[in-house]
Amino acid sequence: MPRMDGGRFLDEKGKIARIQEIPVIVLTADTRALARANQIPAKRCLAKPVDVDVLLDTISSVSAVSD
């Protein structure tokens, strides 16, 4: 992202009440981020390169949980 990294985005998102409940799926090539995925305030964390079918299934499952 041009102005902030994903971690900063999640921090900033957490400060805005009206968007706190919007689910986030993290796509990363950083293996360290994957290792600490349970500490990241995101619904899912996927490794790049992402298989399109896996991404679509993940979006579908996260959307179903959020409804």
PDB file of N, CA and C in Angstrom:
ATOM      1  N   MET A   1       0.854  -1.174   0.000  1.00  0.00           N
ATOM      2  CA  MET A   1       0.000   0.000   0.000  1.00  0.00           C
ATOM      3  C   MET A   1       0.897   1.234   0.000  1.00  0.00           C
ATOM      4  N   PRO A   2       0.497   2.255  -0.692  1.00  0.00           N
ATOM      5  CA  PRO A   2       1.397   3.385  -0.871  1.00  0.00           C
ATOM      6  C   PRO A   2       1.645   4.232   0.374  1.00  0.00           C
ATOM      7  N   ARG A   3       0.705   4.358   1.258  1.00  0.00           N
ATOM      8  CA  ARG A   3       0.870   5.286   2.377  1.00  0.00           C
ATOM      9  C   ARG A   3       1.106   4.621   3.723  1.00  0.00           C
ATOM     10  N   MET A   4       0.786   3.348   3.831  1.00  0.00           N
ATOM     11  CA  MET A   4       1.005   2.641   5.092  1.00  0.00           C
ATOM     12  C   MET A   4       1.069   1.144   4.823  1.00  0.00           C
ATOM     13  N   ASP A   5       1.707   0.418   5.736  1.00  0.00           N
ATOM     14  CA  ASP A   5       1.762  -1.029   5.572  1.00  0.00           C
ATOM     15  C   ASP A   5       0.505  -1.658   6.189  1.00  0.00           C
ATOM     16  N   GLY A   6       0.372  -2.955   6.031  1.00  0.00           N
ATOM     17  CA  GLY A   6      -0.812  -3.653   6.516  1.00  0.00           C
ATOM     18  C   GLY A   6      -1.000  -3.559   8.021  1.00  0.00           C
ATOM     19  N   GLY A   7       0.104  -3.645   8.765  1.00  0.00           N
ATOM     20  CA  GLY A   7       0.013  -3.538  10.221  1.00  0.00           C
ATOM     21  C   GLY A   7      -0.525  -2.194  10.661  1.00  0.00           C
ATOM     22  N   ARG A   8      -0.032  -1.155  10.043  1.00  0.00           N
ATOM     23  CA  ARG A   8      -0.516   0.195  10.374  1.00  0.00           C
ATOM     24  C   ARG A   8      -1.978   0.347   9.981  1.00  0.00           C
ATOM     25  N   PHE A   9      -2.348  -0.212   8.823  1.00  0.00           N
ATOM     26  CA  PHE A   9      -3.749  -0.164   8.403  1.00  0.00           C
ATOM     27  C   PHE A   9      -4.643  -0.804   9.455  1.00  0.00           C
ATOM     28  N   LEU A  10      -4.263  -1.990   9.935  1.00  0.00           N
ATOM     29  CA  LEU A  10      -5.084  -2.676  10.935  1.00  0.00           C
ATOM     30  C   LEU A  10      -5.162  -1.869  12.230  1.00  0.00           C
ATOM     31  N   ASP A  11      -4.053  -1.242  12.630  1.00  0.00           N
ATOM     32  CA  ASP A  11      -4.064  -0.375  13.810  1.00  0.00           C
ATOM     33  C   ASP A  11      -5.037   0.791  13.621  1.00  0.00           C
ATOM     34  N   GLU A  12      -4.948   1.450  12.481  1.00  0.00           N
ATOM     35  CA  GLU A  12      -5.815   2.597  12.208  1.00  0.00           C
ATOM     36  C   GLU A  12      -7.276   2.168  12.091  1.00  0.00           C
ATOM     37  N   LYS A  13      -7.527   1.045  11.448  1.00  0.00           N
ATOM     38  CA  LYS A  13      -8.885   0.519  11.308  1.00  0.00           C
ATOM     39  C   LYS A  13      -9.503   0.271  12.683  1.00  0.00           C
ATOM     40  N   GLY A  14      -8.691  -0.214  13.615  1.00  0.00           N
ATOM     41  CA  GLY A  14      -9.173  -0.483  14.969  1.00  0.00           C
ATOM     42  C   GLY A  14      -9.584   0.758  15.735  1.00  0.00           C
ATOM     43  N   LYS A  15      -9.164   1.918  15.280  1.00  0.00           N
ATOM     44  CA  LYS A  15      -9.485   3.185  15.953  1.00  0.00           C
ATOM     45  C   LYS A  15     -10.796   3.804  15.467  1.00  0.00           C
ATOM     46  N   ILE A  16     -11.345   3.276  14.390  1.00  0.00           N
ATOM     47  CA  ILE A  16     -12.540   3.870  13.778  1.00  0.00           C
ATOM     48  C   ILE A  16     -13.722   2.929  14.011  1.00  0.00           C
ATOM     49  N   ALA A  17     -14.585   3.326  14.923  1.00  0.00           N
ATOM     50  CA  ALA A  17     -15.674   2.452  15.374  1.00  0.00           C
ATOM     51  C   ALA A  17     -16.534   1.913  14.233  1.00  0.00           C
ATOM     52  N   ARG A  18     -16.876   2.745  13.270  1.00  0.00           N
ATOM     53  CA  ARG A  18     -17.821   2.308  12.232  1.00  0.00           C
ATOM     54  C   ARG A  18     -17.236   1.272  11.272  1.00  0.00           C
ATOM     55  N   ILE A  19     -15.918   1.078  11.277  1.00  0.00           N
ATOM     56  CA  ILE A  19     -15.329   0.066  10.378  1.00  0.00           C
ATOM     57  C   ILE A  19     -14.626  -1.065  11.132  1.00  0.00           C
ATOM     58  N   GLN A  20     -14.679  -1.048  12.449  1.00  0.00           N
ATOM     59  CA  GLN A  20     -13.970  -2.073  13.221  1.00  0.00           C
ATOM     60  C   GLN A  20     -14.442  -3.486  12.913  1.00  0.00           C
ATOM     61  N   GLU A  21     -15.706  -3.644  12.588  1.00  0.00           N
ATOM     62  CA  GLU A  21     -16.258  -4.981  12.355  1.00  0.00           C
ATOM     63  C   GLU A  21     -16.096  -5.485  10.923  1.00  0.00           C
ATOM     64  N   ILE A  22     -15.550  -4.668  10.033  1.00  0.00           N
ATOM     65  CA  ILE A  22     -15.325  -5.120   8.661  1.00  0.00           C
ATOM     66  C   ILE A  22     -14.182  -6.135   8.674  1.00  0.00           C
ATOM     67  N   PRO A  23     -14.437  -7.345   8.167  1.00  0.00           N
ATOM     68  CA  PRO A  23     -13.393  -8.364   8.201  1.00  0.00           C
ATOM     69  C   PRO A  23     -12.245  -8.049   7.243  1.00  0.00           C
ATOM     70  N   VAL A  24     -11.050  -8.443   7.644  1.00  0.00           N
ATOM     71  CA  VAL A  24      -9.842  -8.226   6.837  1.00  0.00           C
ATOM     72  C   VAL A  24      -9.195  -9.576   6.548  1.00  0.00           C
ATOM     73  N   ILE A  25      -8.823  -9.769   5.299  1.00  0.00           N
ATOM     74  CA  ILE A  25      -8.045 -10.940   4.892  1.00  0.00           C
ATOM     75  C   ILE A  25      -6.674 -10.412   4.491  1.00  0.00           C
ATOM     76  N   VAL A  26      -5.646 -10.866   5.174  1.00  0.00           N
ATOM     77  CA  VAL A  26      -4.281 -10.420   4.901  1.00  0.00           C
ATOM     78  C   VAL A  26      -3.649 -11.341   3.866  1.00  0.00           C
ATOM     79  N   LEU A  27      -3.074 -10.738   2.829  1.00  0.00           N
ATOM     80  CA  LEU A  27      -2.303 -11.474   1.831  1.00  0.00           C
ATOM     81  C   LEU A  27      -0.861 -11.040   1.999  1.00  0.00           C
ATOM     82  N   THR A  28       0.023 -11.994   2.274  1.00  0.00           N
ATOM     83  CA  THR A  28       1.407 -11.625   2.560  1.00  0.00           C
ATOM     84  C   THR A  28       2.398 -12.637   2.006  1.00  0.00           C
ATOM     85  N   ALA A  29       3.562 -12.127   1.666  1.00  0.00           N
ATOM     86  CA  ALA A  29       4.684 -12.982   1.281  1.00  0.00           C
ATOM     87  C   ALA A  29       5.656 -13.122   2.450  1.00  0.00           C
ATOM     88  N   ASP A  30       5.362 -12.443   3.547  1.00  0.00           N
ATOM     89  CA  ASP A  30       6.214 -12.426   4.741  1.00  0.00           C
ATOM     90  C   ASP A  30       5.913 -13.645   5.612  1.00  0.00           C
ATOM     91  N   THR A  31       6.836 -14.597   5.634  1.00  0.00           N
ATOM     92  CA  THR A  31       6.612 -15.817   6.420  1.00  0.00           C
ATOM     93  C   THR A  31       6.528 -15.529   7.918  1.00  0.00           C
ATOM     94  N   ARG A  32       7.157 -14.448   8.360  1.00  0.00           N
ATOM     95  CA  ARG A  32       7.055 -14.072   9.777  1.00  0.00           C
ATOM     96  C   ARG A  32       5.637 -13.645  10.116  1.00  0.00           C
ATOM     97  N   ALA A  33       4.967 -12.964   9.202  1.00  0.00           N
ATOM     98  CA  ALA A  33       3.576 -12.561   9.422  1.00  0.00           C
ATOM     99  C   ALA A  33       2.681 -13.786   9.513  1.00  0.00           C
ATOM    100  N   LEU A  34       2.931 -14.767   8.667  1.00  0.00           N
ATOM    101  CA  LEU A  34       2.141 -16.000   8.720  1.00  0.00           C
ATOM    102  C   LEU A  34       2.341 -16.724  10.041  1.00  0.00           C
ATOM    103  N   ALA A  35       3.564 -16.708  10.549  1.00  0.00           N
ATOM    104  CA  ALA A  35       3.862 -17.389  11.809  1.00  0.00           C
ATOM    105  C   ALA A  35       3.143 -16.743  12.986  1.00  0.00           C
ATOM    106  N   ARG A  36       2.893 -15.441  12.902  1.00  0.00           N
ATOM    107  CA  ARG A  36       2.202 -14.757  14.005  1.00  0.00           C
ATOM    108  C   ARG A  36       0.777 -14.352  13.618  1.00  0.00           C
ATOM    109  N   ALA A  37       0.192 -15.080  12.686  1.00  0.00           N
ATOM    110  CA  ALA A  37      -1.141 -14.754  12.173  1.00  0.00           C
ATOM    111  C   ALA A  37      -2.196 -14.701  13.272  1.00  0.00           C
ATOM    112  N   ASN A  38      -2.054 -15.517  14.294  1.00  0.00           N
ATOM    113  CA  ASN A  38      -3.046 -15.501  15.374  1.00  0.00           C
ATOM    114  C   ASN A  38      -2.980 -14.220  16.195  1.00  0.00           C
ATOM    115  N   GLN A  39      -1.926 -13.429  16.053  1.00  0.00           N
ATOM    116  CA  GLN A  39      -1.786 -12.167  16.779  1.00  0.00           C
ATOM    117  C   GLN A  39      -2.249 -10.973  15.942  1.00  0.00           C
ATOM    118  N   ILE A  40      -2.520 -11.205  14.666  1.00  0.00           N
ATOM    119  CA  ILE A  40      -2.928 -10.136  13.757  1.00  0.00           C
ATOM    120  C   ILE A  40      -4.449 -10.029  13.815  1.00  0.00           C
ATOM    121  N   PRO A  41      -4.982  -8.809  13.978  1.00  0.00           N
ATOM    122  CA  PRO A  41      -6.444  -8.667  14.037  1.00  0.00           C
ATOM    123  C   PRO A  41      -7.090  -8.780  12.648  1.00  0.00           C
ATOM    124  N   ALA A  42      -6.957  -9.958  12.065  1.00  0.00           N
ATOM    125  CA  ALA A  42      -7.536 -10.221  10.748  1.00  0.00           C
ATOM    126  C   ALA A  42      -8.288 -11.540  10.813  1.00  0.00           C
ATOM    127  N   LYS A  43      -9.281 -11.690   9.959  1.00  0.00           N
ATOM    128  CA  LYS A  43     -10.056 -12.931   9.932  1.00  0.00           C
ATOM    129  C   LYS A  43      -9.230 -14.092   9.386  1.00  0.00           C
ATOM    130  N   ARG A  44      -8.441 -13.821   8.369  1.00  0.00           N
ATOM    131  CA  ARG A  44      -7.609 -14.855   7.756  1.00  0.00           C
ATOM    132  C   ARG A  44      -6.304 -14.229   7.287  1.00  0.00           C
ATOM    133  N   CYS A  45      -5.288 -15.077   7.139  1.00  0.00           N
ATOM    134  CA  CYS A  45      -3.995 -14.654   6.634  1.00  0.00           C
ATOM    135  C   CYS A  45      -3.564 -15.697   5.604  1.00  0.00           C
ATOM    136  N   LEU A  46      -3.380 -15.262   4.365  1.00  0.00           N
ATOM    137  CA  LEU A  46      -3.024 -16.169   3.278  1.00  0.00           C
ATOM    138  C   LEU A  46      -1.641 -15.826   2.742  1.00  0.00           C
ATOM    139  N   ALA A  47      -0.916 -16.868   2.336  1.00  0.00           N
ATOM    140  CA  ALA A  47       0.433 -16.690   1.790  1.00  0.00           C
ATOM    141  C   ALA A  47       0.379 -16.403   0.298  1.00  0.00           C
ATOM    142  N   LYS A  48       1.204 -15.457  -0.131  1.00  0.00           N
ATOM    143  CA  LYS A  48       1.373 -15.181  -1.555  1.00  0.00           C
ATOM    144  C   LYS A  48       2.372 -16.163  -2.128  1.00  0.00           C
ATOM    145  N   PRO A  49       2.253 -16.561  -3.353  1.00  0.00           N
ATOM    146  CA  PRO A  49       1.168 -16.230  -4.261  1.00  0.00           C
ATOM    147  C   PRO A  49      -0.108 -16.955  -3.843  1.00  0.00           C
ATOM    148  N   VAL A  50      -1.220 -16.276  -3.992  1.00  0.00           N
ATOM    149  CA  VAL A  50      -2.506 -16.806  -3.545  1.00  0.00           C
ATOM    150  C   VAL A  50      -3.217 -17.479  -4.702  1.00  0.00           C
ATOM    151  N   ASP A  51      -3.675 -18.683  -4.455  1.00  0.00           N
ATOM    152  CA  ASP A  51      -4.500 -19.382  -5.425  1.00  0.00           C
ATOM    153  C   ASP A  51      -5.863 -18.681  -5.457  1.00  0.00           C
ATOM    154  N   VAL A  52      -6.339 -18.338  -6.633  1.00  0.00           N
ATOM    155  CA  VAL A  52      -7.585 -17.582  -6.770  1.00  0.00           C
ATOM    156  C   VAL A  52      -8.763 -18.324  -6.143  1.00  0.00           C
ATOM    157  N   ASP A  53      -8.829 -19.631  -6.333  1.00  0.00           N
ATOM    158  CA  ASP A  53      -9.932 -20.400  -5.754  1.00  0.00           C
ATOM    159  C   ASP A  53      -9.890 -20.370  -4.228  1.00  0.00           C
ATOM    160  N   VAL A  54      -8.693 -20.437  -3.651  1.00  0.00           N
ATOM    161  CA  VAL A  54      -8.550 -20.356  -2.193  1.00  0.00           C
ATOM    162  C   VAL A  54      -8.984 -18.977  -1.701  1.00  0.00           C
ATOM    163  N   LEU A  55      -8.582 -17.936  -2.417  1.00  0.00           N
ATOM    164  CA  LEU A  55      -8.969 -16.582  -2.045  1.00  0.00           C
ATOM    165  C   LEU A  55     -10.483 -16.420  -2.096  1.00  0.00           C
ATOM    166  N   LEU A  56     -11.105 -16.873  -3.173  1.00  0.00           N
ATOM    167  CA  LEU A  56     -12.557 -16.757  -3.300  1.00  0.00           C
ATOM    168  C   LEU A  56     -13.286 -17.553  -2.216  1.00  0.00           C
ATOM    169  N   ASP A  57     -12.796 -18.744  -1.911  1.00  0.00           N
ATOM    170  CA  ASP A  57     -13.392 -19.544  -0.828  1.00  0.00           C
ATOM    171  C   ASP A  57     -13.238 -18.834   0.515  1.00  0.00           C
ATOM    172  N   THR A  58     -12.079 -18.225   0.729  1.00  0.00           N
ATOM    173  CA  THR A  58     -11.824 -17.504   1.969  1.00  0.00           C
ATOM    174  C   THR A  58     -12.755 -16.304   2.089  1.00  0.00           C
ATOM    175  N   ILE A  59     -12.898 -15.549   1.028  1.00  0.00           N
ATOM    176  CA  ILE A  59     -13.815 -14.403   1.039  1.00  0.00           C
ATOM    177  C   ILE A  59     -15.235 -14.872   1.329  1.00  0.00           C
ATOM    178  N   SER A  60     -15.632 -15.948   0.695  1.00  0.00           N
ATOM    179  CA  SER A  60     -16.978 -16.478   0.903  1.00  0.00           C
ATOM    180  C   SER A  60     -17.192 -16.901   2.358  1.00  0.00           C
ATOM    181  N   SER A  61     -16.218 -17.591   2.936  1.00  0.00           N
ATOM    182  CA  SER A  61     -16.369 -18.056   4.321  1.00  0.00           C
ATOM    183  C   SER A  61     -16.357 -16.907   5.318  1.00  0.00           C
ATOM    184  N   VAL A  62     -15.506 -15.910   5.076  1.00  0.00           N
ATOM    185  CA  VAL A  62     -15.445 -14.752   5.959  1.00  0.00           C
ATOM    186  C   VAL A  62     -16.742 -13.938   5.846  1.00  0.00           C
ATOM    187  N   SER A  63     -17.263 -13.816   4.638  1.00  0.00           N
ATOM    188  CA  SER A  63     -18.512 -13.075   4.441  1.00  0.00           C
ATOM    189  C   SER A  63     -19.672 -13.779   5.116  1.00  0.00           C
ATOM    190  N   ALA A  64     -19.708 -15.106   5.057  1.00  0.00           N
ATOM    191  CA  ALA A  64     -20.780 -15.866   5.681  1.00  0.00           C
ATOM    192  C   ALA A  64     -20.762 -15.707   7.191  1.00  0.00           C
ATOM    193  N   VAL A  65     -19.560 -15.671   7.775  1.00  0.00           N
ATOM    194  CA  VAL A  65     -19.425 -15.510   9.223  1.00  0.00           C
ATOM    195  C   VAL A  65     -19.851 -14.111   9.640  1.00  0.00           C
ATOM    196  N   SER A  66     -19.597 -13.125   8.790  1.00  0.00           N
ATOM    197  CA  SER A  66     -19.869 -11.726   9.125  1.00  0.00           C
ATOM    198  C   SER A  66     -21.337 -11.355   8.994  1.00  0.00           C
ATOM    199  N   ASP A  67     -22.095 -12.107   8.204  1.00  0.00           N
ATOM    200  CA  ASP A  67     -23.519 -11.765   7.984  1.00  0.00           C
ATOM    201  C   ASP A  67     -24.341 -11.912   9.221  1.00  0.00           C
TER     202      ASP A  67
END
